Amino acid sequence: MRKIDVFEYICKTESINKRCYVRLNSLWWEKIRFLIKTKNRNLYKWSRKLKINYYTAKYEISRASYHSLKRLLLIVNLLDVSKKEIIDNIIGFRVRGSTHRGDVILPRCIIIDNQFVEGYALYLAEGDTGANGDTIPRKLRFTNSELSVINLFIRWLKKNFPLIDFYVSVIQPPELTLPVNYPEYLSQKLKINRQKFRVTRDYYNKKVKYRVCCDNALLIDLFLSWNSLIKKVCLENKTLAEAYLKGMMAGEGTIYLKRSRYVRIEMRNKTEIYYLHKLLKALGYKNKCTVRSNRPNMWSIFIGAKELKKFAEEIGFGSQEKRNRLLKKAVNKRLKKNQYN
């Protein structure tokens, strides 16, 4: 079973560790302070080795509660201390570009299993980062109109990141009035505290949507950086490939059963659609990527009627209960004489 050592991953990924500050085990930091003072009597020379201001170096040694992770990696290298000691003594993280206050407490290891891959693919299909750039807060956001899908994503967050805080925005169309007891209903349905709900209005929506929000830039940085790793693992494992497709289909897939029966997934992301094509091909599904003639730059994959039963048994639409019911109906549809679609 594949695992990700989250702390080690952050330490070796420069695009992430350059933003990070860490709170350390105080006893271990005392050891590092002692080594700095004994090996570097002249603090000016030490600050030049670190390429920082003398007063910054002095503050870091004497008073700082949080330490730049990138600088800390340089410090242990200069002191001939193992990087593993940093990893083993990190208590919490902070990162620039986030509205989150206090420590970000991450799990030490993430297990890449079916449940994790399905939730991760679901986020890639329906999630976003809130905003872009280093100065504008970045966050993890997941939006859907189906409570069953929101429920799965919340359970996924709780299992894999149990100490990460989140809230749920109920996006209300202007012409719709929600019942007074609606927060209580959602609290029971999603099994979360009523205080985690916020109600907002959006003039572009015609039905109620739900948005799970984590105001945590570090989490979104990790999610985006794991993309190629998760994809590689799924290509090598049939069960994980099915889980990835299940998450994607829950977010972007559609089932048709009027004039003809088929499943379709479409998106503008050509790279992602070709990856899904490779996964389906590896699982034995006949499919090809096509560009929609009436929608520029929109790519589609079709799974025809002959493979709907196999698709329903192996993949389906994950947490999308309505689409799964339609899929079952399409599989069991009685055809007229000489009708093959």
C-alpha atoms as a PDB file:
ATOM      1  CA  MET A   1       0.000   0.000   0.000  1.00  0.00           C
ATOM      2  CA  ARG A   2       1.409   3.374  -1.063  1.00  0.00           C
ATOM      3  CA  LYS A   3       1.895   6.081   1.557  1.00  0.00           C
ATOM      4  CA  ILE A   4       2.859   9.751   1.465  1.00  0.00           C
ATOM      5  CA  ASP A   5       4.988  10.995   4.354  1.00  0.00           C
ATOM      6  CA  VAL A   6       3.435  14.462   4.436  1.00  0.00           C
ATOM      7  CA  PHE A   7       6.152  16.132   6.536  1.00  0.00           C
ATOM      8  CA  GLU A   8       8.976  14.680   4.450  1.00  0.00           C
ATOM      9  CA  TYR A   9       7.151  15.652   1.255  1.00  0.00           C
ATOM     10  CA  ILE A  10       6.796  19.273   2.397  1.00  0.00           C
ATOM     11  CA  CYS A  11      10.475  19.430   3.367  1.00  0.00           C
ATOM     12  CA  LYS A  12      11.710  18.213  -0.011  1.00  0.00           C
ATOM     13  CA  THR A  13       9.262  20.224  -2.165  1.00  0.00           C
ATOM     14  CA  GLU A  14      10.758  23.698  -2.536  1.00  0.00           C
ATOM     15  CA  SER A  15       7.647  25.282  -4.054  1.00  0.00           C
ATOM     16  CA  ILE A  16       5.875  24.485  -0.749  1.00  0.00           C
ATOM     17  CA  ASN A  17       8.607  24.708   1.903  1.00  0.00           C
ATOM     18  CA  LYS A  18       9.653  28.215   0.829  1.00  0.00           C
ATOM     19  CA  ARG A  19       6.245  29.468   2.045  1.00  0.00           C
ATOM     20  CA  CYS A  20       6.167  27.409   5.236  1.00  0.00           C
ATOM     21  CA  TYR A  21       6.957  28.254   8.828  1.00  0.00           C
ATOM     22  CA  VAL A  22       7.038  25.519  11.447  1.00  0.00           C
ATOM     23  CA  ARG A  23       6.590  25.263  15.200  1.00  0.00           C
ATOM     24  CA  LEU A  24       9.094  22.838  16.653  1.00  0.00           C
ATOM     25  CA  ASN A  25       9.529  20.630  19.682  1.00  0.00           C
ATOM     26  CA  SER A  26      11.051  23.076  22.192  1.00  0.00           C
ATOM     27  CA  LEU A  27      13.609  20.600  23.566  1.00  0.00           C
ATOM     28  CA  TRP A  28      14.936  19.827  20.099  1.00  0.00           C
ATOM     29  CA  TRP A  29      15.130  23.531  19.228  1.00  0.00           C
ATOM     30  CA  GLU A  30      17.166  24.104  22.404  1.00  0.00           C
ATOM     31  CA  LYS A  31      19.633  21.542  21.088  1.00  0.00           C
ATOM     32  CA  ILE A  32      19.888  23.416  17.767  1.00  0.00           C
ATOM     33  CA  ARG A  33      20.340  26.750  19.547  1.00  0.00           C
ATOM     34  CA  PHE A  34      23.159  25.250  21.624  1.00  0.00           C
ATOM     35  CA  LEU A  35      24.890  23.929  18.484  1.00  0.00           C
ATOM     36  CA  ILE A  36      24.581  27.316  16.768  1.00  0.00           C
ATOM     37  CA  LYS A  37      26.094  29.141  19.746  1.00  0.00           C
ATOM     38  CA  THR A  38      28.942  26.683  20.279  1.00  0.00           C
ATOM     39  CA  LYS A  39      29.916  26.369  16.616  1.00  0.00           C
ATOM     40  CA  ASN A  40      29.347  30.023  15.672  1.00  0.00           C
ATOM     41  CA  ARG A  41      30.587  32.458  18.312  1.00  0.00           C
ATOM     42  CA  ASN A  42      30.204  35.338  15.871  1.00  0.00           C
ATOM     43  CA  LEU A  43      26.520  35.863  15.062  1.00  0.00           C
ATOM     44  CA  TYR A  44      27.381  38.246  12.191  1.00  0.00           C
ATOM     45  CA  LYS A  45      29.226  35.445  10.378  1.00  0.00           C
ATOM     46  CA  TRP A  46      26.333  33.086  11.080  1.00  0.00           C
ATOM     47  CA  SER A  47      23.805  35.535   9.604  1.00  0.00           C
ATOM     48  CA  ARG A  48      25.968  35.872   6.478  1.00  0.00           C
ATOM     49  CA  LYS A  49      26.037  32.078   6.078  1.00  0.00           C
ATOM     50  CA  LEU A  50      22.232  32.109   6.181  1.00  0.00           C
ATOM     51  CA  LYS A  51      22.100  35.191   3.899  1.00  0.00           C
ATOM     52  CA  ILE A  52      19.795  37.038   6.296  1.00  0.00           C
ATOM     53  CA  ASN A  53      19.898  40.196   8.372  1.00  0.00           C
ATOM     54  CA  TYR A  54      21.869  40.040  11.665  1.00  0.00           C
ATOM     55  CA  TYR A  55      18.793  41.061  13.705  1.00  0.00           C
ATOM     56  CA  THR A  56      16.659  38.440  11.956  1.00  0.00           C
ATOM     57  CA  ALA A  57      19.216  35.781  12.897  1.00  0.00           C
ATOM     58  CA  LYS A  58      19.316  37.044  16.485  1.00  0.00           C
ATOM     59  CA  TYR A  59      15.509  37.037  16.756  1.00  0.00           C
ATOM     60  CA  GLU A  60      15.282  33.545  15.310  1.00  0.00           C
ATOM     61  CA  ILE A  61      17.731  32.120  17.846  1.00  0.00           C
ATOM     62  CA  SER A  62      16.372  33.908  20.895  1.00  0.00           C
ATOM     63  CA  ARG A  63      12.649  34.579  20.527  1.00  0.00           C
ATOM     64  CA  ALA A  64      10.996  33.141  17.402  1.00  0.00           C
ATOM     65  CA  SER A  65       8.080  30.729  17.899  1.00  0.00           C
ATOM     66  CA  TYR A  66       7.903  29.814  14.217  1.00  0.00           C
ATOM     67  CA  HIS A  67      10.840  29.186  11.909  1.00  0.00           C
ATOM     68  CA  SER A  68      11.173  29.413   8.140  1.00  0.00           C
ATOM     69  CA  LEU A  69      11.276  25.812   6.954  1.00  0.00           C
ATOM     70  CA  LYS A  70      13.541  26.611   4.004  1.00  0.00           C
ATOM     71  CA  ARG A  71      16.008  28.382   6.335  1.00  0.00           C
ATOM     72  CA  LEU A  72      15.758  25.601   8.886  1.00  0.00           C
ATOM     73  CA  LEU A  73      16.791  23.066   6.241  1.00  0.00           C
ATOM     74  CA  LEU A  74      19.862  25.193   5.553  1.00  0.00           C
ATOM     75  CA  ILE A  75      20.644  25.506   9.283  1.00  0.00           C
ATOM     76  CA  VAL A  76      20.655  21.748   9.912  1.00  0.00           C
ATOM     77  CA  ASN A  77      22.792  21.270   6.814  1.00  0.00           C
ATOM     78  CA  LEU A  78      25.376  23.746   8.164  1.00  0.00           C
ATOM     79  CA  LEU A  79      25.300  22.030  11.557  1.00  0.00           C
ATOM     80  CA  ASP A  80      25.542  18.495  10.109  1.00  0.00           C
ATOM     81  CA  VAL A  81      22.219  17.544  11.685  1.00  0.00           C
ATOM     82  CA  SER A  82      19.957  15.007   9.942  1.00  0.00           C
ATOM     83  CA  LYS A  83      16.925  16.425   8.098  1.00  0.00           C
ATOM     84  CA  LYS A  84      14.968  13.568   9.606  1.00  0.00           C
ATOM     85  CA  GLU A  85      15.314  15.298  12.968  1.00  0.00           C
ATOM     86  CA  ILE A  86      13.377  18.277  11.607  1.00  0.00           C
ATOM     87  CA  ILE A  87      10.637  15.993  10.285  1.00  0.00           C
ATOM     88  CA  ASP A  88      10.345  14.159  13.604  1.00  0.00           C
ATOM     89  CA  ASN A  89      10.149  17.391  15.637  1.00  0.00           C
ATOM     90  CA  ILE A  90       7.614  19.450  13.655  1.00  0.00           C
ATOM     91  CA  ILE A  91       4.504  20.178  15.723  1.00  0.00           C
ATOM     92  CA  GLY A  92       2.587  22.501  13.401  1.00  0.00           C
ATOM     93  CA  PHE A  93       2.790  24.533  10.198  1.00  0.00           C
ATOM     94  CA  ARG A  94       1.983  28.043   9.096  1.00  0.00           C
ATOM     95  CA  VAL A  95       2.044  29.295   5.524  1.00  0.00           C
ATOM     96  CA  ARG A  96       1.892  32.642   3.755  1.00  0.00           C
ATOM     97  CA  GLY A  97      -1.147  33.372   1.606  1.00  0.00           C
ATOM     98  CA  SER A  98      -3.738  31.944   4.005  1.00  0.00           C
ATOM     99  CA  THR A  99      -6.418  33.484   6.237  1.00  0.00           C
ATOM    100  CA  HIS A 100      -6.067  30.545   8.630  1.00  0.00           C
ATOM    101  CA  ARG A 101      -4.729  31.533  12.047  1.00  0.00           C
ATOM    102  CA  GLY A 102      -2.918  29.240  14.397  1.00  0.00           C
ATOM    103  CA  ASP A 103      -1.136  25.980  13.633  1.00  0.00           C
ATOM    104  CA  VAL A 104      -2.040  23.866  10.646  1.00  0.00           C
ATOM    105  CA  ILE A 105      -2.005  20.330  12.051  1.00  0.00           C
ATOM    106  CA  LEU A 106      -1.466  17.806   9.275  1.00  0.00           C
ATOM    107  CA  PRO A 107      -1.357  14.004   9.523  1.00  0.00           C
ATOM    108  CA  ARG A 108       2.165  12.581   9.331  1.00  0.00           C
ATOM    109  CA  CYS A 109       1.180  10.014   6.665  1.00  0.00           C
ATOM    110  CA  ILE A 110      -1.519   9.720   4.012  1.00  0.00           C
ATOM    111  CA  ILE A 111      -2.467   6.242   2.787  1.00  0.00           C
ATOM    112  CA  ILE A 112      -3.288   6.194  -0.932  1.00  0.00           C
ATOM    113  CA  ASP A 113      -6.211   3.753  -0.901  1.00  0.00           C
ATOM    114  CA  ASN A 114      -9.530   3.574  -2.793  1.00  0.00           C
ATOM    115  CA  GLN A 115     -11.277   5.980  -0.453  1.00  0.00           C
ATOM    116  CA  PHE A 116      -8.524   8.582  -0.655  1.00  0.00           C
ATOM    117  CA  VAL A 117      -8.247   8.397  -4.466  1.00  0.00           C
ATOM    118  CA  GLU A 118     -12.019   8.700  -5.004  1.00  0.00           C
ATOM    119  CA  GLY A 119     -12.238  11.821  -2.813  1.00  0.00           C
ATOM    120  CA  TYR A 120      -9.138  13.325  -4.413  1.00  0.00           C
ATOM    121  CA  ALA A 121     -10.502  12.805  -7.955  1.00  0.00           C
ATOM    122  CA  LEU A 122     -13.850  14.229  -6.860  1.00  0.00           C
ATOM    123  CA  TYR A 123     -12.050  17.377  -5.695  1.00  0.00           C
ATOM    124  CA  LEU A 124     -10.196  17.673  -9.014  1.00  0.00           C
ATOM    125  CA  ALA A 125     -13.563  17.465 -10.788  1.00  0.00           C
ATOM    126  CA  GLU A 126     -15.569  19.889  -8.653  1.00  0.00           C
ATOM    127  CA  GLY A 127     -13.101  21.842  -6.511  1.00  0.00           C
ATOM    128  CA  ASP A 128     -11.262  25.126  -6.902  1.00  0.00           C
ATOM    129  CA  THR A 129      -8.635  27.216  -5.107  1.00  0.00           C
ATOM    130  CA  GLY A 130     -10.798  30.257  -4.302  1.00  0.00           C
ATOM    131  CA  ALA A 131      -8.213  32.734  -5.605  1.00  0.00           C
ATOM    132  CA  ASN A 132      -4.751  32.827  -7.148  1.00  0.00           C
ATOM    133  CA  GLY A 133      -1.428  34.399  -6.211  1.00  0.00           C
ATOM    134  CA  ASP A 134       0.758  34.749  -3.148  1.00  0.00           C
ATOM    135  CA  THR A 135      -0.908  37.884  -1.759  1.00  0.00           C
ATOM    136  CA  ILE A 136      -4.552  36.847  -2.236  1.00  0.00           C
ATOM    137  CA  PRO A 137      -5.660  34.096   0.191  1.00  0.00           C
ATOM    138  CA  ARG A 138      -5.777  30.637  -1.346  1.00  0.00           C
ATOM    139  CA  LYS A 139      -8.125  28.006  -0.030  1.00  0.00           C
ATOM    140  CA  LEU A 140      -9.602  24.607  -0.743  1.00  0.00           C
ATOM    141  CA  ARG A 141     -13.210  24.846  -1.941  1.00  0.00           C
ATOM    142  CA  PHE A 142     -15.548  22.094  -3.105  1.00  0.00           C
ATOM    143  CA  THR A 143     -18.984  22.908  -4.549  1.00  0.00           C
ATOM    144  CA  ASN A 144     -21.905  20.652  -5.480  1.00  0.00           C
ATOM    145  CA  SER A 145     -25.695  20.727  -5.434  1.00  0.00           C
ATOM    146  CA  GLU A 146     -26.112  17.118  -4.223  1.00  0.00           C
ATOM    147  CA  LEU A 147     -26.001  16.533  -0.473  1.00  0.00           C
ATOM    148  CA  SER A 148     -24.842  12.930  -0.996  1.00  0.00           C
ATOM    149  CA  VAL A 149     -21.718  14.212  -2.792  1.00  0.00           C
ATOM    150  CA  ILE A 150     -21.074  16.912  -0.170  1.00  0.00           C
ATOM    151  CA  ASN A 151     -21.520  14.283   2.547  1.00  0.00           C
ATOM    152  CA  LEU A 152     -18.882  12.035   0.963  1.00  0.00           C
ATOM    153  CA  PHE A 153     -16.392  14.894   0.641  1.00  0.00           C
ATOM    154  CA  ILE A 154     -16.886  15.937   4.281  1.00  0.00           C
ATOM    155  CA  ARG A 155     -16.368  12.334   5.452  1.00  0.00           C
ATOM    156  CA  TRP A 156     -13.249  12.205   3.261  1.00  0.00           C
ATOM    157  CA  LEU A 157     -11.868  15.389   4.843  1.00  0.00           C
ATOM    158  CA  LYS A 158     -12.591  14.173   8.363  1.00  0.00           C
ATOM    159  CA  LYS A 159     -10.885  10.823   7.778  1.00  0.00           C
ATOM    160  CA  ASN A 160      -7.753  12.065   5.993  1.00  0.00           C
ATOM    161  CA  PHE A 161      -7.320  15.503   7.620  1.00  0.00           C
ATOM    162  CA  PRO A 162      -9.119  15.172  10.975  1.00  0.00           C
ATOM    163  CA  LEU A 163      -7.584  18.320  12.541  1.00  0.00           C
ATOM    164  CA  ILE A 164      -8.211  20.640   9.567  1.00  0.00           C
ATOM    165  CA  ASP A 165     -11.086  23.054  10.190  1.00  0.00           C
ATOM    166  CA  PHE A 166     -13.744  23.700   7.534  1.00  0.00           C
ATOM    167  CA  TYR A 167     -17.167  25.295   7.109  1.00  0.00           C
ATOM    168  CA  VAL A 168     -20.049  24.857   4.649  1.00  0.00           C
ATOM    169  CA  SER A 169     -21.525  27.756   2.671  1.00  0.00           C
ATOM    170  CA  VAL A 170     -25.131  27.273   1.578  1.00  0.00           C
ATOM    171  CA  ILE A 171     -25.428  29.167  -1.716  1.00  0.00           C
ATOM    172  CA  GLN A 172     -29.009  30.333  -1.964  1.00  0.00           C
ATOM    173  CA  PRO A 173     -30.694  31.613  -5.183  1.00  0.00           C
ATOM    174  CA  PRO A 174     -32.269  35.066  -4.615  1.00  0.00           C
ATOM    175  CA  GLU A 175     -35.805  33.914  -5.461  1.00  0.00           C
ATOM    176  CA  LEU A 176     -35.689  30.978  -3.022  1.00  0.00           C
ATOM    177  CA  THR A 177     -36.350  31.227   0.714  1.00  0.00           C
ATOM    178  CA  LEU A 178     -34.895  28.480   2.859  1.00  0.00           C
ATOM    179  CA  PRO A 179     -36.925  27.071   5.792  1.00  0.00           C
ATOM    180  CA  VAL A 180     -36.084  28.409   9.258  1.00  0.00           C
ATOM    181  CA  ASN A 181     -35.008  24.938  10.428  1.00  0.00           C
ATOM    182  CA  TYR A 182     -32.811  24.322   7.356  1.00  0.00           C
ATOM    183  CA  PRO A 183     -29.484  24.593   9.277  1.00  0.00           C
ATOM    184  CA  GLU A 184     -30.763  21.959  11.709  1.00  0.00           C
ATOM    185  CA  TYR A 185     -31.746  19.708   8.801  1.00  0.00           C
ATOM    186  CA  LEU A 186     -28.291  20.095   7.211  1.00  0.00           C
ATOM    187  CA  SER A 187     -26.580  19.508  10.533  1.00  0.00           C
ATOM    188  CA  GLN A 188     -28.307  16.134  10.880  1.00  0.00           C
ATOM    189  CA  LYS A 189     -27.858  15.231   7.209  1.00  0.00           C
ATOM    190  CA  LEU A 190     -24.135  16.064   7.066  1.00  0.00           C
ATOM    191  CA  LYS A 191     -23.375  15.194  10.711  1.00  0.00           C
ATOM    192  CA  ILE A 192     -21.593  18.474  11.465  1.00  0.00           C
ATOM    193  CA  ASN A 193     -22.148  21.302  13.961  1.00  0.00           C
ATOM    194  CA  ARG A 194     -24.651  24.046  13.026  1.00  0.00           C
ATOM    195  CA  GLN A 195     -21.970  26.671  13.653  1.00  0.00           C
ATOM    196  CA  LYS A 196     -20.095  25.400  10.582  1.00  0.00           C
ATOM    197  CA  PHE A 197     -22.837  26.698   8.227  1.00  0.00           C
ATOM    198  CA  ARG A 198     -22.943  30.048   6.446  1.00  0.00           C
ATOM    199  CA  VAL A 199     -25.692  31.197   4.087  1.00  0.00           C
ATOM    200  CA  THR A 200     -24.845  33.327   1.035  1.00  0.00           C
ATOM    201  CA  ARG A 201     -26.820  34.472  -2.003  1.00  0.00           C
ATOM    202  CA  ASP A 202     -25.723  34.037  -5.601  1.00  0.00           C
ATOM    203  CA  TYR A 203     -27.679  35.550  -8.484  1.00  0.00           C
ATOM    204  CA  TYR A 204     -26.128  33.112 -10.994  1.00  0.00           C
ATOM    205  CA  ASN A 205     -27.499  29.960  -9.347  1.00  0.00           C
ATOM    206  CA  LYS A 206     -31.031  28.687  -9.886  1.00  0.00           C
ATOM    207  CA  LYS A 207     -30.869  25.964  -7.234  1.00  0.00           C
ATOM    208  CA  VAL A 208     -29.281  25.562  -3.830  1.00  0.00           C
ATOM    209  CA  LYS A 209     -25.605  24.597  -3.863  1.00  0.00           C
ATOM    210  CA  TYR A 210     -23.261  23.705  -1.035  1.00  0.00           C
ATOM    211  CA  ARG A 211     -19.602  24.710  -0.781  1.00  0.00           C
ATOM    212  CA  VAL A 212     -17.138  23.084   1.618  1.00  0.00           C
ATOM    213  CA  CYS A 213     -14.368  25.598   2.430  1.00  0.00           C
ATOM    214  CA  CYS A 214     -10.986  25.144   4.122  1.00  0.00           C
ATOM    215  CA  ASP A 215      -9.253  28.533   4.510  1.00  0.00           C
ATOM    216  CA  ASN A 216      -5.913  26.823   4.344  1.00  0.00           C
ATOM    217  CA  ALA A 217      -3.326  27.630   1.683  1.00  0.00           C
ATOM    218  CA  LEU A 218      -1.001  24.786   2.705  1.00  0.00           C
ATOM    219  CA  LEU A 219      -3.678  22.173   2.084  1.00  0.00           C
ATOM    220  CA  ILE A 220      -4.417  23.416  -1.433  1.00  0.00           C
ATOM    221  CA  ASP A 221      -0.683  23.595  -2.223  1.00  0.00           C
ATOM    222  CA  LEU A 222      -0.345  19.938  -1.212  1.00  0.00           C
ATOM    223  CA  PHE A 223      -3.404  18.882  -3.220  1.00  0.00           C
ATOM    224  CA  LEU A 224      -2.161  20.477  -6.424  1.00  0.00           C
ATOM    225  CA  SER A 225       1.374  19.137  -6.028  1.00  0.00           C
ATOM    226  CA  TRP A 226       0.128  15.528  -5.524  1.00  0.00           C
ATOM    227  CA  ASN A 227      -1.642  15.464  -8.896  1.00  0.00           C
ATOM    228  CA  SER A 228       1.055  13.700 -10.945  1.00  0.00           C
ATOM    229  CA  LEU A 229       1.880  11.292  -8.088  1.00  0.00           C
ATOM    230  CA  ILE A 230      -1.751  10.150  -7.669  1.00  0.00           C
ATOM    231  CA  LYS A 231      -2.186   9.779 -11.425  1.00  0.00           C
ATOM    232  CA  LYS A 232       0.931   7.608 -11.718  1.00  0.00           C
ATOM    233  CA  VAL A 233      -0.184   5.321  -8.875  1.00  0.00           C
ATOM    234  CA  CYS A 234      -3.659   4.903 -10.413  1.00  0.00           C
ATOM    235  CA  LEU A 235      -2.214   3.860 -13.775  1.00  0.00           C
ATOM    236  CA  GLU A 236      -0.344   1.065 -11.996  1.00  0.00           C
ATOM    237  CA  ASN A 237      -3.283  -0.246  -9.949  1.00  0.00           C
ATOM    238  CA  LYS A 238      -6.652  -1.412 -11.348  1.00  0.00           C
ATOM    239  CA  THR A 239      -8.581  -0.853  -8.118  1.00  0.00           C
ATOM    240  CA  LEU A 240      -7.230   2.688  -7.677  1.00  0.00           C
ATOM    241  CA  ALA A 241      -7.955   3.427 -11.351  1.00  0.00           C
ATOM    242  CA  GLU A 242     -11.619   2.486 -10.764  1.00  0.00           C
ATOM    243  CA  ALA A 243     -11.732   4.691  -7.652  1.00  0.00           C
ATOM    244  CA  TYR A 244     -10.268   7.655  -9.574  1.00  0.00           C
ATOM    245  CA  LEU A 245     -12.840   7.252 -12.362  1.00  0.00           C
ATOM    246  CA  LYS A 246     -15.623   6.915  -9.779  1.00  0.00           C
ATOM    247  CA  GLY A 247     -14.678  10.286  -8.267  1.00  0.00           C
ATOM    248  CA  MET A 248     -14.370  11.961 -11.668  1.00  0.00           C
ATOM    249  CA  MET A 249     -17.675  10.529 -12.891  1.00  0.00           C
ATOM    250  CA  ALA A 250     -19.442  11.759  -9.742  1.00  0.00           C
ATOM    251  CA  GLY A 251     -18.237  15.266 -10.569  1.00  0.00           C
ATOM    252  CA  GLU A 252     -18.282  15.457 -14.371  1.00  0.00           C
ATOM    253  CA  GLY A 253     -20.061  12.371 -15.733  1.00  0.00           C
ATOM    254  CA  THR A 254     -23.540  12.201 -17.314  1.00  0.00           C
ATOM    255  CA  ILE A 255     -25.916   9.334 -18.185  1.00  0.00           C
ATOM    256  CA  TYR A 256     -28.314   9.397 -21.175  1.00  0.00           C
ATOM    257  CA  LEU A 257     -31.143   6.915 -21.771  1.00  0.00           C
ATOM    258  CA  LYS A 258     -33.804   8.510 -24.003  1.00  0.00           C
ATOM    259  CA  ARG A 259     -33.128   7.884 -27.690  1.00  0.00           C
ATOM    260  CA  SER A 260     -29.932   6.009 -26.927  1.00  0.00           C
ATOM    261  CA  ARG A 261     -28.100   4.797 -23.828  1.00  0.00           C
ATOM    262  CA  TYR A 262     -24.581   5.925 -23.032  1.00  0.00           C
ATOM    263  CA  VAL A 263     -22.348   7.536 -20.414  1.00  0.00           C
ATOM    264  CA  ARG A 264     -20.382  10.653 -21.257  1.00  0.00           C
ATOM    265  CA  ILE A 265     -17.762  12.692 -19.457  1.00  0.00           C
ATOM    266  CA  GLU A 266     -16.621  15.987 -20.947  1.00  0.00           C
ATOM    267  CA  MET A 267     -14.341  18.856 -19.993  1.00  0.00           C
ATOM    268  CA  ARG A 268     -12.081  21.528 -21.464  1.00  0.00           C
ATOM    269  CA  ASN A 269      -9.006  20.067 -19.797  1.00  0.00           C
ATOM    270  CA  LYS A 270      -7.474  18.076 -22.677  1.00  0.00           C
ATOM    271  CA  THR A 271      -4.703  16.619 -20.489  1.00  0.00           C
ATOM    272  CA  GLU A 272      -7.205  15.280 -17.934  1.00  0.00           C
ATOM    273  CA  ILE A 273      -9.559  13.832 -20.541  1.00  0.00           C
ATOM    274  CA  TYR A 274      -6.684  11.958 -22.215  1.00  0.00           C
ATOM    275  CA  TYR A 275      -5.639  10.606 -18.818  1.00  0.00           C
ATOM    276  CA  LEU A 276      -9.185   9.315 -18.220  1.00  0.00           C
ATOM    277  CA  HIS A 277      -9.058   7.753 -21.686  1.00  0.00           C
ATOM    278  CA  LYS A 278      -5.870   5.884 -20.686  1.00  0.00           C
ATOM    279  CA  LEU A 279      -7.444   4.651 -17.447  1.00  0.00           C
ATOM    280  CA  LEU A 280     -10.574   3.404 -19.216  1.00  0.00           C
ATOM    281  CA  LYS A 281      -8.502   1.721 -21.912  1.00  0.00           C
ATOM    282  CA  ALA A 282      -6.366  -0.002 -19.250  1.00  0.00           C
ATOM    283  CA  LEU A 283      -9.587  -1.285 -17.627  1.00  0.00           C
ATOM    284  CA  GLY A 284     -10.812  -2.752 -20.922  1.00  0.00           C
ATOM    285  CA  TYR A 285     -13.333  -0.092 -22.011  1.00  0.00           C
ATOM    286  CA  LYS A 286     -13.567   0.783 -25.693  1.00  0.00           C
ATOM    287  CA  ASN A 287     -13.567   4.571 -25.861  1.00  0.00           C
ATOM    288  CA  LYS A 288     -12.051   7.486 -27.725  1.00  0.00           C
ATOM    289  CA  CYS A 289     -11.590  11.205 -27.090  1.00  0.00           C
ATOM    290  CA  THR A 290     -13.549  13.505 -29.377  1.00  0.00           C
ATOM    291  CA  VAL A 291     -14.024  17.275 -29.627  1.00  0.00           C
ATOM    292  CA  ARG A 292     -17.590  18.553 -29.481  1.00  0.00           C
ATOM    293  CA  SER A 293     -18.504  20.081 -32.849  1.00  0.00           C
ATOM    294  CA  ASN A 294     -20.944  22.556 -31.282  1.00  0.00           C
ATOM    295  CA  ARG A 295     -18.745  23.503 -28.279  1.00  0.00           C
ATOM    296  CA  PRO A 296     -15.180  24.661 -29.087  1.00  0.00           C
ATOM    297  CA  ASN A 297     -12.377  23.094 -27.011  1.00  0.00           C
ATOM    298  CA  MET A 298     -14.805  20.783 -25.198  1.00  0.00           C
ATOM    299  CA  TRP A 299     -13.506  17.203 -25.100  1.00  0.00           C
ATOM    300  CA  SER A 300     -15.707  14.140 -24.560  1.00  0.00           C
ATOM    301  CA  ILE A 301     -15.422  10.439 -23.818  1.00  0.00           C
ATOM    302  CA  PHE A 302     -18.365   8.100 -24.546  1.00  0.00           C
ATOM    303  CA  ILE A 303     -19.096   4.691 -23.055  1.00  0.00           C
ATOM    304  CA  GLY A 304     -21.720   2.936 -25.172  1.00  0.00           C
ATOM    305  CA  ALA A 305     -24.737   0.803 -24.308  1.00  0.00           C
ATOM    306  CA  LYS A 306     -22.873  -2.528 -24.661  1.00  0.00           C
ATOM    307  CA  GLU A 307     -20.528  -1.578 -21.804  1.00  0.00           C
ATOM    308  CA  LEU A 308     -23.042   0.057 -19.448  1.00  0.00           C
ATOM    309  CA  LYS A 309     -23.463  -3.084 -17.308  1.00  0.00           C
ATOM    310  CA  LYS A 310     -19.686  -3.444 -16.882  1.00  0.00           C
ATOM    311  CA  PHE A 311     -19.436   0.292 -16.106  1.00  0.00           C
ATOM    312  CA  ALA A 312     -22.242   0.089 -13.512  1.00  0.00           C
ATOM    313  CA  GLU A 313     -20.640  -2.884 -11.748  1.00  0.00           C
ATOM    314  CA  GLU A 314     -17.057  -1.567 -11.700  1.00  0.00           C
ATOM    315  CA  ILE A 315     -17.263   2.242 -11.620  1.00  0.00           C
ATOM    316  CA  GLY A 316     -20.650   3.958 -11.691  1.00  0.00           C
ATOM    317  CA  PHE A 317     -21.114   7.531 -10.474  1.00  0.00           C
ATOM    318  CA  GLY A 318     -19.730   7.177  -6.964  1.00  0.00           C
ATOM    319  CA  SER A 319     -21.672   9.297  -4.474  1.00  0.00           C
ATOM    320  CA  GLN A 320     -24.080  10.690  -7.117  1.00  0.00           C
ATOM    321  CA  GLU A 321     -27.192   8.809  -6.026  1.00  0.00           C
ATOM    322  CA  LYS A 322     -29.487  10.248  -8.736  1.00  0.00           C
ATOM    323  CA  ARG A 323     -27.123   9.369 -11.583  1.00  0.00           C
ATOM    324  CA  ASN A 324     -26.600   5.868 -10.192  1.00  0.00           C
ATOM    325  CA  ARG A 325     -30.366   5.311 -10.210  1.00  0.00           C
ATOM    326  CA  LEU A 326     -30.528   6.463 -13.846  1.00  0.00           C
ATOM    327  CA  LEU A 327     -27.577   4.216 -14.698  1.00  0.00           C
ATOM    328  CA  LYS A 328     -29.355   1.222 -13.172  1.00  0.00           C
ATOM    329  CA  LYS A 329     -32.461   2.129 -15.177  1.00  0.00           C
ATOM    330  CA  ALA A 330     -30.386   2.368 -18.377  1.00  0.00           C
ATOM    331  CA  VAL A 331     -28.770  -1.033 -17.749  1.00  0.00           C
ATOM    332  CA  ASN A 332     -32.152  -2.689 -17.117  1.00  0.00           C
ATOM    333  CA  LYS A 333     -33.990  -0.916 -19.941  1.00  0.00           C
ATOM    334  CA  ARG A 334     -36.043  -3.305 -22.052  1.00  0.00           C
ATOM    335  CA  LEU A 335     -35.342  -2.826 -25.737  1.00  0.00           C
ATOM    336  CA  LYS A 336     -37.862  -3.041 -28.512  1.00  0.00           C
ATOM    337  CA  LYS A 337     -37.435  -5.631 -31.236  1.00  0.00           C
ATOM    338  CA  ASN A 338     -34.371  -4.831 -33.400  1.00  0.00           C
ATOM    339  CA  GLN A 339     -33.342  -1.990 -31.042  1.00  0.00           C
ATOM    340  CA  TYR A 340     -29.674  -2.151 -30.037  1.00  0.00           C
ATOM    341  CA  ASN A 341     -28.941   1.264 -28.489  1.00  0.00           C
END
